[in-house]
Amino acid sequence: MASKQFIPANEGWEDLGGGVSRQIMGWDKQLMMVKVRFEKQAVGAPHAHPHTQSTYCIDGVFEFTIDGVKTVIKQGEGLYIAPNQQHGTTCLEAGTLLDVFSPYREDFLK
């Protein structure tokens, strides 16, 4: 069970509401890569999950809170989120994040 090998840039976007949309870029049971597009002031609500996550800022500016610690990241910067850490973000300037999860986010495929 895995994604197709090639994913076009304009295919498969899912509108999550509130100015946020995502595109699953590739996955198998061990790994998942997801682009997440945010409009200015859109919010990724605080949450936690059992997956390891690494995030790269493709463009834009985002304020992240991870376990109560706030930081701002911008284009070219990244962050690491350990399993079960509470985290969320507010988009300060419209942009796109690239999230990588291990293992894959089964809930994203439903």
N, C-alpha and C. Protein backbone atom coordinates (compact mmCIF):
# COMPACT_ATOMS: atom_id res chain seq x y z
N MET A 1 0.84 -1.17 0.00
CA MET A 1 0.00 0.00 0.00
C MET A 1 0.89 1.24 0.00
N ALA A 2 0.73 2.08 -1.03
CA ALA A 2 1.54 3.30 -1.14
C ALA A 2 0.92 4.23 -2.17
N SER A 3 1.42 5.45 -2.22
CA SER A 3 0.94 6.42 -3.20
C SER A 3 1.50 6.08 -4.58
N LYS A 4 0.98 6.78 -5.58
CA LYS A 4 1.57 6.64 -6.90
C LYS A 4 2.96 7.29 -6.86
N GLN A 5 3.79 6.99 -7.83
CA GLN A 5 5.18 7.45 -7.80
C GLN A 5 5.35 8.92 -8.12
N PHE A 6 4.53 9.47 -9.01
CA PHE A 6 4.68 10.86 -9.42
C PHE A 6 3.41 11.63 -9.09
N ILE A 7 3.56 12.78 -8.45
CA ILE A 7 2.43 13.58 -8.01
C ILE A 7 2.55 14.97 -8.63
N PRO A 8 1.69 15.32 -9.60
CA PRO A 8 1.73 16.65 -10.22
C PRO A 8 1.40 17.76 -9.21
N ALA A 9 1.99 18.93 -9.40
CA ALA A 9 1.84 20.05 -8.46
C ALA A 9 0.41 20.52 -8.30
N ASN A 10 -0.42 20.37 -9.31
CA ASN A 10 -1.79 20.91 -9.25
C ASN A 10 -2.85 19.84 -9.00
N GLU A 11 -2.46 18.65 -8.63
CA GLU A 11 -3.40 17.55 -8.47
C GLU A 11 -3.58 17.15 -7.02
N GLY A 12 -4.82 16.85 -6.62
CA GLY A 12 -5.07 16.23 -5.32
C GLY A 12 -5.14 17.17 -4.14
N TRP A 13 -5.29 18.47 -4.36
CA TRP A 13 -5.40 19.40 -3.24
C TRP A 13 -6.74 19.22 -2.53
N GLU A 14 -6.71 19.24 -1.21
CA GLU A 14 -7.91 19.09 -0.39
C GLU A 14 -8.10 20.37 0.43
N ASP A 15 -9.26 20.99 0.30
CA ASP A 15 -9.58 22.20 1.07
C ASP A 15 -9.99 21.78 2.47
N LEU A 16 -9.23 22.23 3.47
CA LEU A 16 -9.52 21.88 4.86
C LEU A 16 -10.37 22.93 5.56
N GLY A 17 -10.66 24.04 4.85
CA GLY A 17 -11.43 25.13 5.44
C GLY A 17 -10.54 26.09 6.19
N GLY A 18 -11.06 27.28 6.45
CA GLY A 18 -10.33 28.27 7.24
C GLY A 18 -9.06 28.77 6.59
N GLY A 19 -8.97 28.68 5.25
CA GLY A 19 -7.78 29.17 4.56
C GLY A 19 -6.62 28.20 4.52
N VAL A 20 -6.90 26.91 4.75
CA VAL A 20 -5.85 25.89 4.75
C VAL A 20 -6.22 24.79 3.74
N SER A 21 -5.24 24.37 2.94
CA SER A 21 -5.44 23.24 2.04
C SER A 21 -4.18 22.39 2.05
N ARG A 22 -4.33 21.10 1.69
CA ARG A 22 -3.17 20.22 1.70
C ARG A 22 -3.16 19.32 0.47
N GLN A 23 -1.94 18.89 0.14
CA GLN A 23 -1.71 17.96 -0.96
C GLN A 23 -0.76 16.88 -0.46
N ILE A 24 -1.21 15.64 -0.49
CA ILE A 24 -0.34 14.53 -0.10
C ILE A 24 0.61 14.26 -1.25
N MET A 25 1.90 14.37 -0.98
CA MET A 25 2.92 14.30 -2.02
C MET A 25 3.48 12.90 -2.25
N GLY A 26 3.35 12.04 -1.29
CA GLY A 26 3.85 10.68 -1.43
C GLY A 26 3.84 10.01 -0.08
N TRP A 27 3.62 8.70 -0.09
CA TRP A 27 3.56 7.99 1.19
C TRP A 27 3.66 6.49 0.99
N ASP A 28 4.09 5.84 2.03
CA ASP A 28 3.91 4.41 2.24
C ASP A 28 3.66 4.27 3.74
N LYS A 29 3.64 3.08 4.27
CA LYS A 29 3.28 2.92 5.69
C LYS A 29 4.32 3.49 6.65
N GLN A 30 5.54 3.74 6.17
CA GLN A 30 6.59 4.25 7.03
C GLN A 30 6.76 5.76 6.99
N LEU A 31 6.27 6.40 5.92
CA LEU A 31 6.59 7.80 5.69
C LEU A 31 5.49 8.49 4.90
N MET A 32 5.25 9.77 5.18
CA MET A 32 4.30 10.56 4.40
C MET A 32 4.81 11.99 4.29
N MET A 33 4.72 12.56 3.09
CA MET A 33 5.11 13.95 2.85
C MET A 33 3.87 14.70 2.36
N VAL A 34 3.61 15.88 2.97
CA VAL A 34 2.39 16.62 2.70
C VAL A 34 2.71 18.11 2.58
N LYS A 35 2.23 18.76 1.48
CA LYS A 35 2.31 20.21 1.36
C LYS A 35 1.04 20.79 1.97
N VAL A 36 1.21 21.85 2.78
CA VAL A 36 0.08 22.50 3.41
C VAL A 36 0.16 23.99 3.09
N ARG A 37 -0.87 24.49 2.41
CA ARG A 37 -0.93 25.89 1.99
C ARG A 37 -1.82 26.67 2.95
N PHE A 38 -1.35 27.83 3.40
CA PHE A 38 -2.08 28.68 4.35
C PHE A 38 -2.27 30.07 3.78
N GLU A 39 -3.48 30.61 3.93
CA GLU A 39 -3.72 32.02 3.69
C GLU A 39 -3.28 32.79 4.94
N LYS A 40 -3.02 34.08 4.78
CA LYS A 40 -2.61 34.90 5.92
C LYS A 40 -3.66 34.82 7.03
N GLN A 41 -3.20 34.64 8.26
CA GLN A 41 -3.99 34.52 9.48
C GLN A 41 -4.71 33.17 9.62
N ALA A 42 -4.54 32.24 8.69
CA ALA A 42 -5.11 30.90 8.85
C ALA A 42 -4.40 30.21 10.01
N VAL A 43 -5.12 29.32 10.66
CA VAL A 43 -4.62 28.67 11.87
C VAL A 43 -4.60 27.15 11.70
N GLY A 44 -3.49 26.57 12.09
CA GLY A 44 -3.41 25.13 12.28
C GLY A 44 -3.65 24.92 13.77
N ALA A 45 -4.86 24.50 14.13
CA ALA A 45 -5.27 24.42 15.54
C ALA A 45 -4.33 23.52 16.34
N PRO A 46 -4.12 23.86 17.61
CA PRO A 46 -3.27 23.03 18.47
C PRO A 46 -3.78 21.58 18.51
N HIS A 47 -2.85 20.65 18.39
CA HIS A 47 -3.18 19.22 18.39
C HIS A 47 -1.92 18.43 18.69
N ALA A 48 -2.10 17.15 18.88
CA ALA A 48 -0.97 16.23 19.08
C ALA A 48 -1.32 14.93 18.36
N HIS A 49 -0.29 14.19 17.97
CA HIS A 49 -0.48 12.90 17.30
C HIS A 49 0.73 12.02 17.60
N PRO A 50 0.60 10.71 17.42
CA PRO A 50 1.69 9.81 17.78
C PRO A 50 2.81 9.74 16.74
N HIS A 51 2.71 10.52 15.68
CA HIS A 51 3.70 10.49 14.60
C HIS A 51 4.85 11.46 14.87
N THR A 52 6.04 11.10 14.45
CA THR A 52 7.16 12.03 14.41
C THR A 52 6.91 12.95 13.22
N GLN A 53 7.18 14.24 13.39
CA GLN A 53 6.94 15.21 12.31
C GLN A 53 8.14 16.13 12.15
N SER A 54 8.49 16.38 10.90
CA SER A 54 9.48 17.41 10.58
C SER A 54 8.83 18.31 9.55
N THR A 55 8.99 19.63 9.71
CA THR A 55 8.33 20.60 8.84
C THR A 55 9.36 21.56 8.28
N TYR A 56 9.24 21.82 6.97
CA TYR A 56 10.09 22.77 6.25
C TYR A 56 9.21 23.88 5.71
N CYS A 57 9.61 25.12 5.89
CA CYS A 57 8.86 26.27 5.38
C CYS A 57 9.31 26.58 3.95
N ILE A 58 8.45 26.28 2.98
CA ILE A 58 8.74 26.56 1.58
C ILE A 58 8.70 28.06 1.33
N ASP A 59 7.67 28.71 1.84
CA ASP A 59 7.56 30.17 1.76
C ASP A 59 6.55 30.64 2.80
N GLY A 60 6.50 31.96 3.02
CA GLY A 60 5.61 32.53 4.02
C GLY A 60 6.30 32.68 5.37
N VAL A 61 5.51 33.09 6.38
CA VAL A 61 5.99 33.26 7.75
C VAL A 61 4.94 32.66 8.68
N PHE A 62 5.39 31.85 9.64
CA PHE A 62 4.49 31.12 10.52
C PHE A 62 4.95 31.24 11.97
N GLU A 63 4.00 31.45 12.88
CA GLU A 63 4.30 31.38 14.30
C GLU A 63 3.86 30.01 14.80
N PHE A 64 4.80 29.21 15.24
CA PHE A 64 4.53 27.88 15.78
C PHE A 64 4.59 27.91 17.29
N THR A 65 3.73 27.11 17.91
CA THR A 65 3.80 26.85 19.34
C THR A 65 3.93 25.34 19.50
N ILE A 66 5.00 24.92 20.16
CA ILE A 66 5.24 23.50 20.43
C ILE A 66 5.44 23.34 21.93
N ASP A 67 4.53 22.59 22.56
CA ASP A 67 4.56 22.42 24.02
C ASP A 67 4.71 23.75 24.76
N GLY A 68 3.96 24.76 24.32
CA GLY A 68 3.94 26.06 24.98
C GLY A 68 5.05 27.01 24.58
N VAL A 69 6.01 26.57 23.78
CA VAL A 69 7.12 27.42 23.33
C VAL A 69 6.80 27.96 21.94
N LYS A 70 6.83 29.30 21.80
CA LYS A 70 6.52 29.94 20.52
C LYS A 70 7.80 30.33 19.79
N THR A 71 7.75 30.19 18.47
CA THR A 71 8.83 30.65 17.61
C THR A 71 8.26 30.98 16.24
N VAL A 72 8.93 31.86 15.52
CA VAL A 72 8.52 32.22 14.17
C VAL A 72 9.51 31.60 13.20
N ILE A 73 8.96 30.94 12.16
CA ILE A 73 9.81 30.41 11.11
C ILE A 73 9.41 31.04 9.78
N LYS A 74 10.41 31.12 8.90
CA LYS A 74 10.17 31.70 7.57
C LYS A 74 10.84 30.83 6.52
N GLN A 75 10.74 31.25 5.28
CA GLN A 75 11.25 30.48 4.15
C GLN A 75 12.64 29.92 4.42
N GLY A 76 12.79 28.62 4.15
CA GLY A 76 14.08 27.96 4.31
C GLY A 76 14.35 27.40 5.69
N GLU A 77 13.47 27.67 6.65
CA GLU A 77 13.68 27.17 8.01
C GLU A 77 12.77 25.96 8.26
N GLY A 78 13.08 25.25 9.32
CA GLY A 78 12.31 24.06 9.63
C GLY A 78 12.19 23.82 11.12
N LEU A 79 11.49 22.75 11.46
CA LEU A 79 11.31 22.39 12.86
C LEU A 79 11.05 20.90 12.98
N TYR A 80 11.20 20.40 14.19
CA TYR A 80 10.97 18.99 14.52
C TYR A 80 9.94 18.93 15.63
N ILE A 81 8.99 18.00 15.49
CA ILE A 81 7.96 17.80 16.51
C ILE A 81 7.99 16.33 16.91
N ALA A 82 8.30 16.07 18.15
CA ALA A 82 8.35 14.70 18.66
C ALA A 82 6.93 14.14 18.78
N PRO A 83 6.80 12.82 18.78
CA PRO A 83 5.47 12.22 18.95
C PRO A 83 4.77 12.74 20.21
N ASN A 84 3.48 12.99 20.07
CA ASN A 84 2.58 13.41 21.15
C ASN A 84 2.84 14.80 21.71
N GLN A 85 3.69 15.60 21.06
CA GLN A 85 3.87 16.99 21.50
C GLN A 85 2.71 17.84 20.99
N GLN A 86 2.15 18.64 21.87
CA GLN A 86 1.09 19.58 21.49
C GLN A 86 1.70 20.66 20.61
N HIS A 87 1.10 20.94 19.44
CA HIS A 87 1.64 21.95 18.54
C HIS A 87 0.55 22.55 17.67
N GLY A 88 0.81 23.74 17.18
CA GLY A 88 -0.11 24.44 16.28
C GLY A 88 0.62 25.61 15.66
N THR A 89 -0.03 26.25 14.68
CA THR A 89 0.60 27.38 14.00
C THR A 89 -0.43 28.41 13.58
N THR A 90 0.04 29.65 13.45
CA THR A 90 -0.72 30.74 12.85
C THR A 90 0.12 31.29 11.71
N CYS A 91 -0.50 31.45 10.56
CA CYS A 91 0.21 31.95 9.39
C CYS A 91 0.25 33.48 9.44
N LEU A 92 1.44 34.05 9.53
CA LEU A 92 1.60 35.51 9.60
C LEU A 92 1.69 36.15 8.21
N GLU A 93 2.26 35.42 7.26
CA GLU A 93 2.31 35.82 5.85
C GLU A 93 2.01 34.57 5.04
N ALA A 94 1.06 34.66 4.10
CA ALA A 94 0.63 33.49 3.33
C ALA A 94 1.82 32.66 2.87
N GLY A 95 1.66 31.34 2.96
CA GLY A 95 2.78 30.48 2.59
C GLY A 95 2.43 29.01 2.59
N THR A 96 3.47 28.21 2.38
CA THR A 96 3.32 26.76 2.26
C THR A 96 4.37 26.06 3.11
N LEU A 97 3.90 25.04 3.83
CA LEU A 97 4.78 24.19 4.63
C LEU A 97 4.86 22.82 3.98
N LEU A 98 5.99 22.15 4.19
CA LEU A 98 6.16 20.77 3.76
C LEU A 98 6.33 19.93 5.02
N ASP A 99 5.32 19.12 5.33
CA ASP A 99 5.34 18.26 6.51
C ASP A 99 5.74 16.85 6.12
N VAL A 100 6.58 16.24 6.94
CA VAL A 100 6.95 14.84 6.76
C VAL A 100 6.62 14.12 8.06
N PHE A 101 5.90 13.00 7.93
CA PHE A 101 5.46 12.22 9.08
C PHE A 101 6.01 10.80 9.01
N SER A 102 6.32 10.25 10.18
CA SER A 102 6.68 8.84 10.28
C SER A 102 6.03 8.28 11.54
N PRO A 103 5.28 7.19 11.45
CA PRO A 103 4.81 6.58 10.21
C PRO A 103 3.79 7.49 9.52
N TYR A 104 3.21 7.00 8.44
CA TYR A 104 2.25 7.79 7.66
C TYR A 104 1.02 8.15 8.48
N ARG A 105 0.32 9.20 8.05
CA ARG A 105 -0.91 9.64 8.70
C ARG A 105 -2.10 8.94 8.05
N GLU A 106 -2.46 7.80 8.59
CA GLU A 106 -3.58 7.03 8.06
C GLU A 106 -4.85 7.88 8.02
N ASP A 107 -5.03 8.76 9.02
CA ASP A 107 -6.22 9.61 9.08
C ASP A 107 -6.30 10.58 7.90
N PHE A 108 -5.20 10.91 7.25
CA PHE A 108 -5.22 11.81 6.09
C PHE A 108 -5.76 11.12 4.85
N LEU A 109 -5.79 9.80 4.84
CA LEU A 109 -6.20 9.05 3.66
C LEU A 109 -7.68 8.69 3.68
N LYS A 110 -8.38 9.04 4.73
CA LYS A 110 -9.80 8.68 4.85
C LYS A 110 -10.69 9.80 4.36
